[in-house]
Amino acid sequence: MESYQALDVFTALSQATRLDAFKLIISHEPDGMAAGDIARQLEVPQNTMSTHLAILTRAGLIQADRQGRSIVYRAVLDQVRAIANYLVQDCCGGRPELCDPLIADITPCCSPKEAHHV
């Protein structure tokens, strides 16, 4: 990931409603979440939410899929991984043991066993 791409991601997530929307969408993986449901759950007018979702889409964090009359948004997990890698690529100055706590914090949320039980 290039610096300008990371800045697009950080800019998109630097607004409270967009951050909340992104966290809500990623919590509904792999099924995604309809735009109207996102707006209702966050108590944001649909036209305002549409603008926020467009910004998150341009940053590559989410993608929209039409399902019948609904537009369902899903997180782009490759972009999430890319921004996480960007943040830690120079972590620990060549001493990977210093990154162990970070890896330990991330691993439980994404273990394959838990993914099958969700």
N, C-alpha and C. Protein backbone atom coordinates (compact mmCIF):
# COMPACT_ATOMS: atom_id res chain seq x y z
N MET A 1 0.85 -1.17 0.00
CA MET A 1 0.00 0.00 0.00
C MET A 1 0.90 1.23 0.00
N GLU A 2 0.53 2.18 -0.80
CA GLU A 2 1.26 3.44 -0.88
C GLU A 2 0.72 4.41 0.18
N SER A 3 1.52 5.40 0.51
CA SER A 3 1.13 6.38 1.53
C SER A 3 -0.17 7.09 1.17
N TYR A 4 -0.34 7.46 -0.10
CA TYR A 4 -1.56 8.17 -0.49
C TYR A 4 -2.80 7.30 -0.31
N GLN A 5 -2.66 5.97 -0.51
CA GLN A 5 -3.78 5.06 -0.29
C GLN A 5 -4.10 4.96 1.20
N ALA A 6 -3.07 4.90 2.02
CA ALA A 6 -3.29 4.86 3.47
C ALA A 6 -3.98 6.13 3.93
N LEU A 7 -3.58 7.25 3.38
CA LEU A 7 -4.23 8.51 3.76
C LEU A 7 -5.70 8.52 3.38
N ASP A 8 -6.05 7.94 2.23
CA ASP A 8 -7.46 7.83 1.85
C ASP A 8 -8.24 7.01 2.88
N VAL A 9 -7.65 5.91 3.34
CA VAL A 9 -8.30 5.06 4.35
C VAL A 9 -8.45 5.83 5.65
N PHE A 10 -7.38 6.47 6.10
CA PHE A 10 -7.45 7.21 7.37
C PHE A 10 -8.44 8.37 7.29
N THR A 11 -8.47 9.04 6.14
CA THR A 11 -9.42 10.14 5.96
C THR A 11 -10.85 9.62 6.04
N ALA A 12 -11.10 8.50 5.38
CA ALA A 12 -12.45 7.93 5.40
C ALA A 12 -12.87 7.54 6.81
N LEU A 13 -11.95 7.02 7.59
CA LEU A 13 -12.28 6.54 8.94
C LEU A 13 -12.17 7.63 10.01
N SER A 14 -11.77 8.83 9.61
CA SER A 14 -11.55 9.89 10.60
C SER A 14 -12.83 10.63 10.98
N GLN A 15 -13.96 10.18 10.51
CA GLN A 15 -15.25 10.79 10.83
C GLN A 15 -16.06 9.76 11.61
N ALA A 16 -16.68 10.17 12.69
CA ALA A 16 -17.32 9.24 13.63
C ALA A 16 -18.38 8.34 12.98
N THR A 17 -19.26 8.89 12.17
CA THR A 17 -20.32 8.08 11.56
C THR A 17 -19.73 7.05 10.61
N ARG A 18 -18.72 7.45 9.83
CA ARG A 18 -18.09 6.50 8.91
C ARG A 18 -17.37 5.40 9.66
N LEU A 19 -16.68 5.75 10.73
CA LEU A 19 -16.01 4.75 11.54
C LEU A 19 -17.03 3.77 12.12
N ASP A 20 -18.12 4.30 12.66
CA ASP A 20 -19.18 3.43 13.21
C ASP A 20 -19.78 2.54 12.12
N ALA A 21 -20.01 3.11 10.94
CA ALA A 21 -20.58 2.33 9.84
C ALA A 21 -19.62 1.21 9.43
N PHE A 22 -18.35 1.55 9.31
CA PHE A 22 -17.38 0.53 8.92
C PHE A 22 -17.31 -0.59 9.96
N LYS A 23 -17.27 -0.24 11.23
CA LYS A 23 -17.22 -1.26 12.28
C LYS A 23 -18.48 -2.13 12.25
N LEU A 24 -19.62 -1.52 11.98
CA LEU A 24 -20.88 -2.27 11.89
C LEU A 24 -20.85 -3.22 10.69
N ILE A 25 -20.40 -2.73 9.56
CA ILE A 25 -20.34 -3.56 8.35
C ILE A 25 -19.38 -4.72 8.55
N ILE A 26 -18.21 -4.45 9.09
CA ILE A 26 -17.23 -5.54 9.27
C ILE A 26 -17.73 -6.56 10.29
N SER A 27 -18.55 -6.13 11.22
CA SER A 27 -19.09 -7.08 12.20
C SER A 27 -20.14 -8.00 11.59
N HIS A 28 -20.62 -7.68 10.40
CA HIS A 28 -21.62 -8.50 9.72
C HIS A 28 -21.05 -9.33 8.57
N GLU A 29 -19.73 -9.50 8.57
CA GLU A 29 -19.12 -10.37 7.57
C GLU A 29 -19.47 -11.82 7.90
N PRO A 30 -19.69 -12.67 6.93
CA PRO A 30 -19.49 -12.46 5.51
C PRO A 30 -20.74 -12.02 4.77
N ASP A 31 -21.87 -11.89 5.46
CA ASP A 31 -23.14 -11.62 4.78
C ASP A 31 -23.30 -10.18 4.34
N GLY A 32 -22.65 -9.25 5.03
CA GLY A 32 -22.82 -7.85 4.72
C GLY A 32 -24.09 -7.31 5.35
N MET A 33 -24.38 -6.06 5.00
CA MET A 33 -25.52 -5.39 5.63
C MET A 33 -26.13 -4.41 4.63
N ALA A 34 -27.45 -4.39 4.57
CA ALA A 34 -28.15 -3.48 3.66
C ALA A 34 -27.96 -2.03 4.11
N ALA A 35 -27.88 -1.16 3.12
CA ALA A 35 -27.66 0.27 3.40
C ALA A 35 -28.72 0.83 4.34
N GLY A 36 -29.97 0.50 4.10
CA GLY A 36 -31.05 1.00 4.96
C GLY A 36 -30.91 0.53 6.39
N ASP A 37 -30.48 -0.71 6.57
CA ASP A 37 -30.28 -1.24 7.92
C ASP A 37 -29.14 -0.53 8.64
N ILE A 38 -28.10 -0.22 7.88
CA ILE A 38 -26.96 0.53 8.47
C ILE A 38 -27.45 1.89 8.95
N ALA A 39 -28.18 2.59 8.09
CA ALA A 39 -28.69 3.92 8.44
C ALA A 39 -29.61 3.85 9.66
N ARG A 40 -30.52 2.87 9.68
CA ARG A 40 -31.44 2.75 10.81
C ARG A 40 -30.70 2.43 12.10
N GLN A 41 -29.78 1.49 12.04
CA GLN A 41 -29.08 1.09 13.26
C GLN A 41 -28.25 2.24 13.83
N LEU A 42 -27.65 3.04 12.95
CA LEU A 42 -26.82 4.16 13.41
C LEU A 42 -27.63 5.45 13.58
N GLU A 43 -28.93 5.37 13.27
CA GLU A 43 -29.83 6.51 13.40
C GLU A 43 -29.32 7.72 12.61
N VAL A 44 -29.02 7.46 11.33
CA VAL A 44 -28.52 8.47 10.42
C VAL A 44 -29.48 8.51 9.23
N PRO A 45 -29.87 9.69 8.75
CA PRO A 45 -30.73 9.75 7.56
C PRO A 45 -30.09 8.99 6.39
N GLN A 46 -30.93 8.34 5.59
CA GLN A 46 -30.40 7.50 4.52
C GLN A 46 -29.57 8.28 3.51
N ASN A 47 -29.96 9.51 3.18
CA ASN A 47 -29.17 10.26 2.21
C ASN A 47 -27.80 10.63 2.78
N THR A 48 -27.73 10.91 4.06
CA THR A 48 -26.45 11.20 4.70
C THR A 48 -25.60 9.93 4.75
N MET A 49 -26.23 8.82 5.10
CA MET A 49 -25.49 7.55 5.15
C MET A 49 -24.96 7.18 3.78
N SER A 50 -25.72 7.46 2.75
CA SER A 50 -25.29 7.17 1.39
C SER A 50 -23.98 7.88 1.07
N THR A 51 -23.86 9.13 1.50
CA THR A 51 -22.63 9.89 1.30
C THR A 51 -21.47 9.25 2.05
N HIS A 52 -21.70 8.87 3.28
CA HIS A 52 -20.65 8.23 4.08
C HIS A 52 -20.22 6.89 3.46
N LEU A 53 -21.19 6.11 3.01
CA LEU A 53 -20.86 4.83 2.40
C LEU A 53 -20.08 5.01 1.10
N ALA A 54 -20.38 6.06 0.37
CA ALA A 54 -19.63 6.35 -0.87
C ALA A 54 -18.17 6.67 -0.55
N ILE A 55 -17.93 7.40 0.51
CA ILE A 55 -16.56 7.74 0.90
C ILE A 55 -15.80 6.48 1.32
N LEU A 56 -16.45 5.62 2.09
CA LEU A 56 -15.81 4.35 2.50
C LEU A 56 -15.54 3.46 1.28
N THR A 57 -16.44 3.50 0.31
CA THR A 57 -16.25 2.71 -0.91
C THR A 57 -15.07 3.24 -1.71
N ARG A 58 -14.98 4.56 -1.87
CA ARG A 58 -13.85 5.15 -2.61
C ARG A 58 -12.52 4.85 -1.94
N ALA A 59 -12.51 4.72 -0.62
CA ALA A 59 -11.29 4.38 0.10
C ALA A 59 -10.96 2.89 -0.01
N GLY A 60 -11.86 2.13 -0.61
CA GLY A 60 -11.62 0.70 -0.80
C GLY A 60 -11.91 -0.15 0.42
N LEU A 61 -12.57 0.42 1.42
CA LEU A 61 -12.85 -0.31 2.66
C LEU A 61 -14.10 -1.18 2.58
N ILE A 62 -15.05 -0.77 1.74
CA ILE A 62 -16.29 -1.53 1.58
C ILE A 62 -16.62 -1.62 0.10
N GLN A 63 -17.50 -2.56 -0.22
CA GLN A 63 -18.00 -2.67 -1.58
C GLN A 63 -19.50 -2.90 -1.52
N ALA A 64 -20.19 -2.46 -2.55
CA ALA A 64 -21.64 -2.58 -2.62
C ALA A 64 -22.02 -3.67 -3.61
N ASP A 65 -23.00 -4.46 -3.23
CA ASP A 65 -23.55 -5.48 -4.11
C ASP A 65 -25.06 -5.34 -4.10
N ARG A 66 -25.65 -5.25 -5.29
CA ARG A 66 -27.11 -5.17 -5.37
C ARG A 66 -27.68 -6.57 -5.18
N GLN A 67 -28.62 -6.67 -4.25
CA GLN A 67 -29.34 -7.92 -4.00
C GLN A 67 -30.82 -7.59 -4.05
N GLY A 68 -31.41 -7.83 -5.20
CA GLY A 68 -32.80 -7.46 -5.39
C GLY A 68 -32.94 -5.95 -5.35
N ARG A 69 -33.78 -5.46 -4.47
CA ARG A 69 -33.98 -4.02 -4.35
C ARG A 69 -33.04 -3.36 -3.35
N SER A 70 -32.24 -4.15 -2.68
CA SER A 70 -31.33 -3.63 -1.65
C SER A 70 -29.91 -3.55 -2.16
N ILE A 71 -29.17 -2.64 -1.58
CA ILE A 71 -27.73 -2.57 -1.80
C ILE A 71 -27.10 -3.04 -0.50
N VAL A 72 -26.33 -4.12 -0.60
CA VAL A 72 -25.70 -4.71 0.57
C VAL A 72 -24.22 -4.35 0.55
N TYR A 73 -23.73 -3.86 1.67
CA TYR A 73 -22.34 -3.47 1.80
C TYR A 73 -21.57 -4.52 2.58
N ARG A 74 -20.38 -4.81 2.08
CA ARG A 74 -19.48 -5.77 2.73
C ARG A 74 -18.12 -5.12 2.88
N ALA A 75 -17.41 -5.51 3.90
CA ALA A 75 -16.05 -5.03 4.11
C ALA A 75 -15.12 -5.68 3.09
N VAL A 76 -14.15 -4.91 2.63
CA VAL A 76 -13.12 -5.43 1.74
C VAL A 76 -11.96 -5.84 2.65
N LEU A 77 -11.96 -7.10 3.04
CA LEU A 77 -10.99 -7.57 4.02
C LEU A 77 -9.55 -7.47 3.52
N ASP A 78 -9.35 -7.55 2.21
CA ASP A 78 -8.00 -7.37 1.68
C ASP A 78 -7.49 -5.96 1.97
N GLN A 79 -8.37 -4.97 1.92
CA GLN A 79 -7.97 -3.59 2.21
C GLN A 79 -7.70 -3.43 3.72
N VAL A 80 -8.48 -4.09 4.54
CA VAL A 80 -8.25 -4.05 5.99
C VAL A 80 -6.88 -4.65 6.29
N ARG A 81 -6.58 -5.78 5.67
CA ARG A 81 -5.28 -6.40 5.86
C ARG A 81 -4.17 -5.49 5.35
N ALA A 82 -4.38 -4.86 4.22
CA ALA A 82 -3.35 -3.97 3.65
C ALA A 82 -3.06 -2.79 4.56
N ILE A 83 -4.08 -2.20 5.16
CA ILE A 83 -3.83 -1.05 6.03
C ILE A 83 -3.16 -1.51 7.33
N ALA A 84 -3.56 -2.67 7.83
CA ALA A 84 -2.90 -3.20 9.03
C ALA A 84 -1.43 -3.49 8.74
N ASN A 85 -1.16 -4.10 7.60
CA ASN A 85 0.23 -4.36 7.21
C ASN A 85 1.02 -3.07 7.03
N TYR A 86 0.39 -2.08 6.43
CA TYR A 86 1.04 -0.78 6.23
C TYR A 86 1.47 -0.19 7.58
N LEU A 87 0.58 -0.30 8.57
CA LEU A 87 0.87 0.29 9.88
C LEU A 87 2.00 -0.42 10.62
N VAL A 88 2.15 -1.72 10.40
CA VAL A 88 3.13 -2.47 11.18
C VAL A 88 4.30 -3.00 10.36
N GLN A 89 4.39 -2.62 9.10
CA GLN A 89 5.43 -3.20 8.24
C GLN A 89 6.83 -2.95 8.77
N ASP A 90 7.05 -1.87 9.47
CA ASP A 90 8.37 -1.58 10.01
C ASP A 90 8.41 -1.77 11.53
N CYS A 91 7.44 -2.51 12.02
CA CYS A 91 7.28 -2.71 13.45
C CYS A 91 8.51 -3.39 14.07
N CYS A 92 8.87 -2.93 15.19
CA CYS A 92 9.79 -3.62 16.09
C CYS A 92 11.25 -3.62 15.65
N GLY A 93 11.59 -2.88 14.63
CA GLY A 93 12.99 -2.76 14.23
C GLY A 93 13.70 -4.09 14.06
N GLY A 94 13.02 -5.05 13.43
CA GLY A 94 13.66 -6.35 13.19
C GLY A 94 13.61 -7.29 14.37
N ARG A 95 12.86 -6.93 15.40
CA ARG A 95 12.72 -7.80 16.58
C ARG A 95 11.27 -8.26 16.68
N PRO A 96 10.91 -9.33 15.95
CA PRO A 96 9.51 -9.76 15.87
C PRO A 96 8.88 -10.08 17.22
N GLU A 97 9.68 -10.46 18.20
CA GLU A 97 9.10 -10.79 19.52
C GLU A 97 8.41 -9.58 20.15
N LEU A 98 8.81 -8.39 19.75
CA LEU A 98 8.16 -7.18 20.27
C LEU A 98 6.75 -7.02 19.71
N CYS A 99 6.47 -7.64 18.57
CA CYS A 99 5.15 -7.56 17.95
C CYS A 99 4.21 -8.66 18.45
N ASP A 100 4.70 -9.60 19.22
CA ASP A 100 3.87 -10.70 19.69
C ASP A 100 2.58 -10.23 20.38
N PRO A 101 2.62 -9.21 21.25
CA PRO A 101 1.36 -8.77 21.87
C PRO A 101 0.34 -8.26 20.85
N LEU A 102 0.81 -7.58 19.83
CA LEU A 102 -0.09 -7.10 18.77
C LEU A 102 -0.73 -8.28 18.05
N ILE A 103 0.07 -9.23 17.68
CA ILE A 103 -0.44 -10.41 16.98
C ILE A 103 -1.41 -11.18 17.88
N ALA A 104 -1.10 -11.29 19.15
CA ALA A 104 -1.97 -11.99 20.09
C ALA A 104 -3.32 -11.28 20.22
N ASP A 105 -3.32 -9.95 20.17
CA ASP A 105 -4.58 -9.21 20.25
C ASP A 105 -5.44 -9.41 19.02
N ILE A 106 -4.84 -9.53 17.85
CA ILE A 106 -5.58 -9.67 16.60
C ILE A 106 -6.06 -11.10 16.38
N THR A 107 -5.26 -12.07 16.71
CA THR A 107 -5.54 -13.46 16.38
C THR A 107 -6.86 -13.99 16.93
N PRO A 108 -7.24 -13.75 18.19
CA PRO A 108 -8.49 -14.35 18.69
C PRO A 108 -9.74 -13.92 17.93
N CYS A 109 -9.76 -12.71 17.40
CA CYS A 109 -10.97 -12.26 16.70
C CYS A 109 -11.13 -12.94 15.36
N CYS A 110 -10.10 -13.52 14.86
CA CYS A 110 -10.12 -14.04 13.50
C CYS A 110 -9.80 -15.51 13.40
N SER A 111 -9.81 -16.23 14.50
CA SER A 111 -9.46 -17.64 14.42
C SER A 111 -10.52 -18.40 13.64
N PRO A 112 -10.12 -19.36 12.82
CA PRO A 112 -11.08 -20.12 12.01
C PRO A 112 -12.16 -20.81 12.82
N LYS A 113 -11.84 -21.31 14.01
CA LYS A 113 -12.83 -22.00 14.83
C LYS A 113 -13.98 -21.05 15.17
N GLU A 114 -13.66 -19.83 15.60
CA GLU A 114 -14.70 -18.88 15.97
C GLU A 114 -15.49 -18.44 14.76
N ALA A 115 -14.88 -18.33 13.62
CA ALA A 115 -15.58 -17.90 12.41
C ALA A 115 -16.70 -18.88 12.05
N HIS A 116 -16.50 -20.18 12.32
CA HIS A 116 -17.52 -21.16 12.00
C HIS A 116 -18.67 -21.15 13.00
N HIS A 117 -18.44 -20.62 14.20
CA HIS A 117 -19.47 -20.61 15.24
C HIS A 117 -20.27 -19.33 15.25
N VAL A 118 -19.89 -18.34 14.47
CA VAL A 118 -20.58 -17.04 14.47
C VAL A 118 -21.85 -17.12 13.66
